[in-house]
Amino acid sequence: MNEKNVLGFKPALEAGFEPRNYSWSPEVVPVGEYTTTLDFMIWSKKHVAADCYLTTGDGTQIRLTAYRNKAEDYMAGDTAVPYLSFGTRLKITVALNGAGNPKWINAVVIPGGEPAAG
């Protein structure tokens, strides 16, 4: 798993992904620990980060951001998200930051949650 799977905005649209269907609003993104599926990722235009588009167990489509750390890795907890495959199932933890916006605290790949190759 050494290849980054983050797309540019235009290639994501060309691949059929629709980022506008996903919300980062605190009214939509649940706080706490829950299971999601990573649908796709796009390099952020506003930050040095990867915007990750996920679907929760109840079908809510959310966007969370993995910011680059000092080691130049894009992390959610101990997980380097750019190397995850689309379709990976994750247990994530979300809290609110000081401004009241969702902050991605942790992500753990669920055992058996990696999509099958091919």
N, C-alpha and C. Protein backbone atom coordinates (compact mmCIF):
# COMPACT_ATOMS: atom_id res chain seq x y z
N MET A 1 0.84 -1.18 0.00
CA MET A 1 0.00 0.00 0.00
C MET A 1 0.89 1.24 0.00
N ASN A 2 1.63 1.53 -1.06
CA ASN A 2 2.47 2.72 -1.08
C ASN A 2 1.96 3.78 -2.04
N GLU A 3 0.91 3.55 -2.76
CA GLU A 3 0.41 4.52 -3.71
C GLU A 3 -0.73 5.32 -3.10
N LYS A 4 -0.62 6.65 -3.22
CA LYS A 4 -1.68 7.51 -2.69
C LYS A 4 -2.89 7.41 -3.60
N ASN A 5 -4.06 7.36 -2.97
CA ASN A 5 -5.30 7.19 -3.72
C ASN A 5 -6.14 8.47 -3.76
N VAL A 6 -5.54 9.61 -3.44
CA VAL A 6 -6.27 10.87 -3.42
C VAL A 6 -6.33 11.42 -4.84
N LEU A 7 -7.50 11.88 -5.24
CA LEU A 7 -7.71 12.40 -6.58
C LEU A 7 -7.66 13.92 -6.60
N GLY A 8 -7.42 14.49 -7.76
CA GLY A 8 -7.65 15.91 -7.97
C GLY A 8 -9.15 16.13 -8.15
N PHE A 9 -9.60 17.37 -8.07
CA PHE A 9 -11.04 17.65 -8.15
C PHE A 9 -11.62 17.22 -9.50
N LYS A 10 -11.00 17.65 -10.59
CA LYS A 10 -11.52 17.32 -11.92
C LYS A 10 -11.50 15.81 -12.18
N PRO A 11 -10.40 15.09 -11.89
CA PRO A 11 -10.43 13.64 -12.08
C PRO A 11 -11.50 12.94 -11.24
N ALA A 12 -11.79 13.48 -10.05
CA ALA A 12 -12.84 12.88 -9.21
C ALA A 12 -14.20 13.02 -9.90
N LEU A 13 -14.47 14.20 -10.45
CA LEU A 13 -15.74 14.40 -11.16
C LEU A 13 -15.81 13.51 -12.40
N GLU A 14 -14.69 13.42 -13.12
CA GLU A 14 -14.64 12.58 -14.33
C GLU A 14 -14.86 11.11 -14.00
N ALA A 15 -14.48 10.70 -12.78
CA ALA A 15 -14.67 9.31 -12.34
C ALA A 15 -16.09 9.07 -11.84
N GLY A 16 -16.92 10.13 -11.82
CA GLY A 16 -18.31 9.96 -11.42
C GLY A 16 -18.61 10.28 -9.97
N PHE A 17 -17.63 10.77 -9.22
CA PHE A 17 -17.86 11.13 -7.82
C PHE A 17 -18.51 12.51 -7.75
N GLU A 18 -19.34 12.73 -6.74
CA GLU A 18 -20.04 14.00 -6.59
C GLU A 18 -19.83 14.58 -5.20
N PRO A 19 -18.76 15.38 -5.01
CA PRO A 19 -18.45 15.93 -3.70
C PRO A 19 -19.56 16.79 -3.09
N ARG A 20 -20.36 17.43 -3.93
CA ARG A 20 -21.43 18.31 -3.41
C ARG A 20 -22.49 17.56 -2.62
N ASN A 21 -22.55 16.25 -2.76
CA ASN A 21 -23.54 15.46 -2.01
C ASN A 21 -23.12 15.20 -0.57
N TYR A 22 -21.91 15.60 -0.20
CA TYR A 22 -21.34 15.31 1.12
C TYR A 22 -21.25 16.59 1.94
N SER A 23 -21.58 16.51 3.22
CA SER A 23 -21.59 17.69 4.09
C SER A 23 -20.51 17.62 5.15
N TRP A 24 -19.95 18.78 5.49
CA TRP A 24 -19.02 18.89 6.61
C TRP A 24 -19.66 19.70 7.73
N SER A 25 -20.93 20.04 7.58
CA SER A 25 -21.66 20.86 8.55
C SER A 25 -21.80 20.15 9.89
N PRO A 26 -21.60 20.87 11.01
CA PRO A 26 -21.77 20.25 12.33
C PRO A 26 -23.20 19.76 12.58
N GLU A 27 -24.16 20.27 11.84
CA GLU A 27 -25.54 19.80 11.97
C GLU A 27 -25.74 18.43 11.32
N VAL A 28 -24.83 18.06 10.42
CA VAL A 28 -24.96 16.81 9.67
C VAL A 28 -23.95 15.76 10.13
N VAL A 29 -22.71 16.16 10.35
CA VAL A 29 -21.65 15.21 10.72
C VAL A 29 -21.83 14.81 12.19
N PRO A 30 -22.07 13.52 12.45
CA PRO A 30 -22.25 13.09 13.84
C PRO A 30 -20.95 13.20 14.64
N VAL A 31 -21.08 13.54 15.91
CA VAL A 31 -19.95 13.55 16.84
C VAL A 31 -19.94 12.21 17.56
N GLY A 32 -18.75 11.66 17.80
CA GLY A 32 -18.64 10.39 18.50
C GLY A 32 -17.88 9.38 17.68
N GLU A 33 -18.07 8.11 18.00
CA GLU A 33 -17.38 7.01 17.32
C GLU A 33 -18.42 6.20 16.56
N TYR A 34 -18.15 5.97 15.27
CA TYR A 34 -19.09 5.22 14.45
C TYR A 34 -18.40 4.65 13.21
N THR A 35 -19.11 3.79 12.50
CA THR A 35 -18.59 3.10 11.33
C THR A 35 -18.94 3.87 10.06
N THR A 36 -17.97 3.95 9.15
CA THR A 36 -18.18 4.60 7.86
C THR A 36 -17.51 3.77 6.76
N THR A 37 -17.82 4.14 5.53
CA THR A 37 -17.14 3.61 4.36
C THR A 37 -16.49 4.78 3.64
N LEU A 38 -15.20 4.66 3.31
CA LEU A 38 -14.50 5.69 2.56
C LEU A 38 -14.91 5.59 1.10
N ASP A 39 -15.61 6.60 0.61
CA ASP A 39 -16.08 6.58 -0.78
C ASP A 39 -15.00 7.06 -1.75
N PHE A 40 -14.36 8.18 -1.44
CA PHE A 40 -13.28 8.72 -2.27
C PHE A 40 -12.59 9.85 -1.52
N MET A 41 -11.47 10.34 -2.07
CA MET A 41 -10.71 11.44 -1.47
C MET A 41 -10.26 12.40 -2.56
N ILE A 42 -10.22 13.69 -2.20
CA ILE A 42 -9.78 14.74 -3.11
C ILE A 42 -8.79 15.63 -2.37
N TRP A 43 -7.71 16.03 -3.06
CA TRP A 43 -6.79 16.99 -2.45
C TRP A 43 -7.52 18.30 -2.22
N SER A 44 -7.36 18.87 -1.04
CA SER A 44 -8.01 20.13 -0.69
C SER A 44 -7.41 21.28 -1.47
N LYS A 45 -8.25 22.22 -1.89
CA LYS A 45 -7.76 23.42 -2.56
C LYS A 45 -7.44 24.52 -1.54
N LYS A 46 -8.05 24.44 -0.35
CA LYS A 46 -7.90 25.51 0.64
C LYS A 46 -6.82 25.24 1.68
N HIS A 47 -6.48 23.98 1.91
CA HIS A 47 -5.54 23.61 2.97
C HIS A 47 -4.56 22.57 2.44
N VAL A 48 -3.49 22.35 3.18
CA VAL A 48 -2.59 21.25 2.88
C VAL A 48 -3.22 20.03 3.54
N ALA A 49 -4.10 19.38 2.79
CA ALA A 49 -4.94 18.35 3.38
C ALA A 49 -5.58 17.50 2.29
N ALA A 50 -6.13 16.38 2.73
CA ALA A 50 -6.94 15.52 1.87
C ALA A 50 -8.37 15.53 2.41
N ASP A 51 -9.32 15.92 1.57
CA ASP A 51 -10.73 15.87 1.96
C ASP A 51 -11.24 14.46 1.68
N CYS A 52 -11.78 13.83 2.72
CA CYS A 52 -12.22 12.44 2.64
C CYS A 52 -13.74 12.40 2.67
N TYR A 53 -14.32 11.69 1.73
CA TYR A 53 -15.77 11.61 1.57
C TYR A 53 -16.21 10.22 2.02
N LEU A 54 -17.08 10.20 3.03
CA LEU A 54 -17.45 8.95 3.69
C LEU A 54 -18.96 8.83 3.78
N THR A 55 -19.44 7.59 3.88
CA THR A 55 -20.85 7.32 4.11
C THR A 55 -20.98 6.58 5.43
N THR A 56 -21.85 7.09 6.31
CA THR A 56 -22.06 6.46 7.61
C THR A 56 -22.98 5.26 7.46
N GLY A 57 -23.12 4.50 8.54
CA GLY A 57 -23.96 3.31 8.53
C GLY A 57 -25.41 3.58 8.18
N ASP A 58 -25.90 4.80 8.48
CA ASP A 58 -27.30 5.13 8.16
C ASP A 58 -27.44 5.82 6.81
N GLY A 59 -26.33 5.89 6.05
CA GLY A 59 -26.38 6.45 4.70
C GLY A 59 -26.07 7.93 4.61
N THR A 60 -25.76 8.59 5.73
CA THR A 60 -25.41 10.00 5.70
C THR A 60 -24.05 10.17 5.03
N GLN A 61 -23.95 11.10 4.09
CA GLN A 61 -22.71 11.34 3.37
C GLN A 61 -22.01 12.54 4.00
N ILE A 62 -20.80 12.31 4.51
CA ILE A 62 -20.06 13.35 5.22
C ILE A 62 -18.68 13.56 4.62
N ARG A 63 -18.12 14.74 4.90
CA ARG A 63 -16.75 15.04 4.47
C ARG A 63 -15.93 15.39 5.70
N LEU A 64 -14.79 14.74 5.85
CA LEU A 64 -13.84 15.05 6.91
C LEU A 64 -12.48 15.28 6.28
N THR A 65 -11.66 16.08 6.94
CA THR A 65 -10.38 16.47 6.37
C THR A 65 -9.23 15.87 7.17
N ALA A 66 -8.28 15.28 6.45
CA ALA A 66 -7.04 14.78 7.05
C ALA A 66 -5.95 15.79 6.70
N TYR A 67 -5.47 16.52 7.71
CA TYR A 67 -4.45 17.54 7.50
C TYR A 67 -3.05 16.92 7.52
N ARG A 68 -2.13 17.56 6.83
CA ARG A 68 -0.75 17.09 6.80
C ARG A 68 -0.06 17.46 8.11
N ASN A 69 0.64 16.50 8.69
CA ASN A 69 1.36 16.77 9.94
C ASN A 69 2.82 17.14 9.63
N LYS A 70 3.62 17.32 10.68
CA LYS A 70 5.02 17.73 10.50
C LYS A 70 5.84 16.70 9.73
N ALA A 71 5.45 15.43 9.81
CA ALA A 71 6.16 14.38 9.08
C ALA A 71 5.67 14.28 7.63
N GLU A 72 4.79 15.21 7.23
CA GLU A 72 4.22 15.28 5.89
C GLU A 72 3.34 14.08 5.56
N ASP A 73 2.69 13.54 6.59
CA ASP A 73 1.70 12.48 6.41
C ASP A 73 0.32 13.08 6.64
N TYR A 74 -0.67 12.56 5.96
CA TYR A 74 -2.06 13.01 6.11
C TYR A 74 -2.76 11.98 6.98
N MET A 75 -2.97 12.34 8.24
CA MET A 75 -3.37 11.34 9.23
C MET A 75 -4.74 11.62 9.84
N ALA A 76 -5.40 10.53 10.23
CA ALA A 76 -6.56 10.55 11.12
C ALA A 76 -6.16 9.61 12.25
N GLY A 77 -5.72 10.17 13.37
CA GLY A 77 -5.17 9.33 14.43
C GLY A 77 -3.88 8.70 13.95
N ASP A 78 -3.80 7.37 14.00
CA ASP A 78 -2.60 6.65 13.55
C ASP A 78 -2.73 6.13 12.12
N THR A 79 -3.79 6.50 11.42
CA THR A 79 -4.04 5.98 10.08
C THR A 79 -3.68 7.02 9.02
N ALA A 80 -2.80 6.63 8.09
CA ALA A 80 -2.43 7.48 6.95
C ALA A 80 -3.51 7.30 5.88
N VAL A 81 -4.43 8.24 5.82
CA VAL A 81 -5.60 8.05 4.97
C VAL A 81 -5.34 8.07 3.47
N PRO A 82 -4.33 8.79 2.93
CA PRO A 82 -4.17 8.78 1.48
C PRO A 82 -3.88 7.41 0.87
N TYR A 83 -3.45 6.46 1.70
CA TYR A 83 -3.11 5.14 1.19
C TYR A 83 -4.26 4.15 1.29
N LEU A 84 -5.38 4.58 1.86
CA LEU A 84 -6.54 3.70 1.97
C LEU A 84 -7.21 3.55 0.61
N SER A 85 -7.76 2.39 0.37
CA SER A 85 -8.51 2.15 -0.87
C SER A 85 -9.93 2.66 -0.71
N PHE A 86 -10.48 3.14 -1.81
CA PHE A 86 -11.89 3.53 -1.79
C PHE A 86 -12.71 2.28 -1.46
N GLY A 87 -13.72 2.44 -0.62
CA GLY A 87 -14.54 1.31 -0.19
C GLY A 87 -14.10 0.72 1.13
N THR A 88 -12.98 1.21 1.69
CA THR A 88 -12.51 0.71 2.99
C THR A 88 -13.49 1.10 4.09
N ARG A 89 -13.80 0.14 4.96
CA ARG A 89 -14.68 0.41 6.10
C ARG A 89 -13.81 0.83 7.28
N LEU A 90 -14.24 1.91 7.93
CA LEU A 90 -13.47 2.51 9.02
C LEU A 90 -14.35 2.74 10.24
N LYS A 91 -13.77 2.59 11.41
CA LYS A 91 -14.39 3.08 12.63
C LYS A 91 -13.72 4.41 12.90
N ILE A 92 -14.50 5.50 12.90
CA ILE A 92 -13.93 6.82 13.06
C ILE A 92 -14.41 7.47 14.35
N THR A 93 -13.62 8.44 14.81
CA THR A 93 -13.98 9.26 15.96
C THR A 93 -13.97 10.71 15.52
N VAL A 94 -15.06 11.42 15.81
CA VAL A 94 -15.21 12.82 15.44
C VAL A 94 -15.59 13.62 16.68
N ALA A 95 -14.96 14.78 16.85
CA ALA A 95 -15.30 15.71 17.93
C ALA A 95 -15.50 17.09 17.28
N LEU A 96 -15.87 18.06 18.08
CA LEU A 96 -15.97 19.43 17.58
C LEU A 96 -14.73 20.19 18.00
N ASN A 97 -14.20 21.01 17.08
CA ASN A 97 -13.04 21.83 17.42
C ASN A 97 -13.51 23.09 18.16
N GLY A 98 -12.59 23.98 18.46
CA GLY A 98 -12.92 25.20 19.20
C GLY A 98 -13.92 26.10 18.51
N ALA A 99 -13.99 26.01 17.18
CA ALA A 99 -14.94 26.82 16.42
C ALA A 99 -16.28 26.12 16.25
N GLY A 100 -16.40 24.91 16.81
CA GLY A 100 -17.66 24.17 16.70
C GLY A 100 -17.82 23.36 15.43
N ASN A 101 -16.72 23.18 14.70
CA ASN A 101 -16.76 22.39 13.46
C ASN A 101 -16.25 20.98 13.72
N PRO A 102 -16.71 20.01 12.90
CA PRO A 102 -16.25 18.63 13.08
C PRO A 102 -14.74 18.51 12.89
N LYS A 103 -14.11 17.75 13.77
CA LYS A 103 -12.67 17.49 13.70
C LYS A 103 -12.47 15.98 13.76
N TRP A 104 -11.74 15.46 12.76
CA TRP A 104 -11.48 14.03 12.65
C TRP A 104 -10.37 13.68 13.62
N ILE A 105 -10.70 12.91 14.66
CA ILE A 105 -9.76 12.56 15.71
C ILE A 105 -9.02 11.26 15.42
N ASN A 106 -9.75 10.25 14.92
CA ASN A 106 -9.14 8.94 14.73
C ASN A 106 -9.87 8.16 13.64
N ALA A 107 -9.16 7.24 13.02
CA ALA A 107 -9.74 6.30 12.06
C ALA A 107 -9.00 4.98 12.21
N VAL A 108 -9.76 3.90 12.27
CA VAL A 108 -9.19 2.56 12.36
C VAL A 108 -9.86 1.70 11.30
N VAL A 109 -9.05 1.01 10.50
CA VAL A 109 -9.61 0.10 9.50
C VAL A 109 -10.27 -1.06 10.23
N ILE A 110 -11.51 -1.33 9.89
CA ILE A 110 -12.24 -2.45 10.48
C ILE A 110 -11.66 -3.74 9.92
N PRO A 111 -11.33 -4.72 10.77
CA PRO A 111 -10.78 -5.99 10.27
C PRO A 111 -11.69 -6.56 9.17
N GLY A 112 -11.08 -6.88 8.03
CA GLY A 112 -11.85 -7.36 6.89
C GLY A 112 -12.52 -6.24 6.12
N GLY A 113 -12.21 -4.98 6.48
CA GLY A 113 -12.88 -3.83 5.88
C GLY A 113 -12.24 -3.30 4.62
N GLU A 114 -11.11 -3.89 4.22
CA GLU A 114 -10.47 -3.47 2.96
C GLU A 114 -11.21 -4.11 1.80
N PRO A 115 -11.52 -3.35 0.74
CA PRO A 115 -12.20 -3.95 -0.40
C PRO A 115 -11.31 -4.99 -1.09
N ALA A 116 -11.95 -5.95 -1.71
CA ALA A 116 -11.20 -7.00 -2.43
C ALA A 116 -10.52 -6.39 -3.65
N ALA A 117 -9.32 -6.86 -3.95
CA ALA A 117 -8.59 -6.38 -5.12
C ALA A 117 -9.24 -6.91 -6.38
N GLY A 118 -9.13 -6.08 -7.42
CA GLY A 118 -9.60 -6.57 -8.70
C GLY A 118 -10.78 -5.86 -9.11
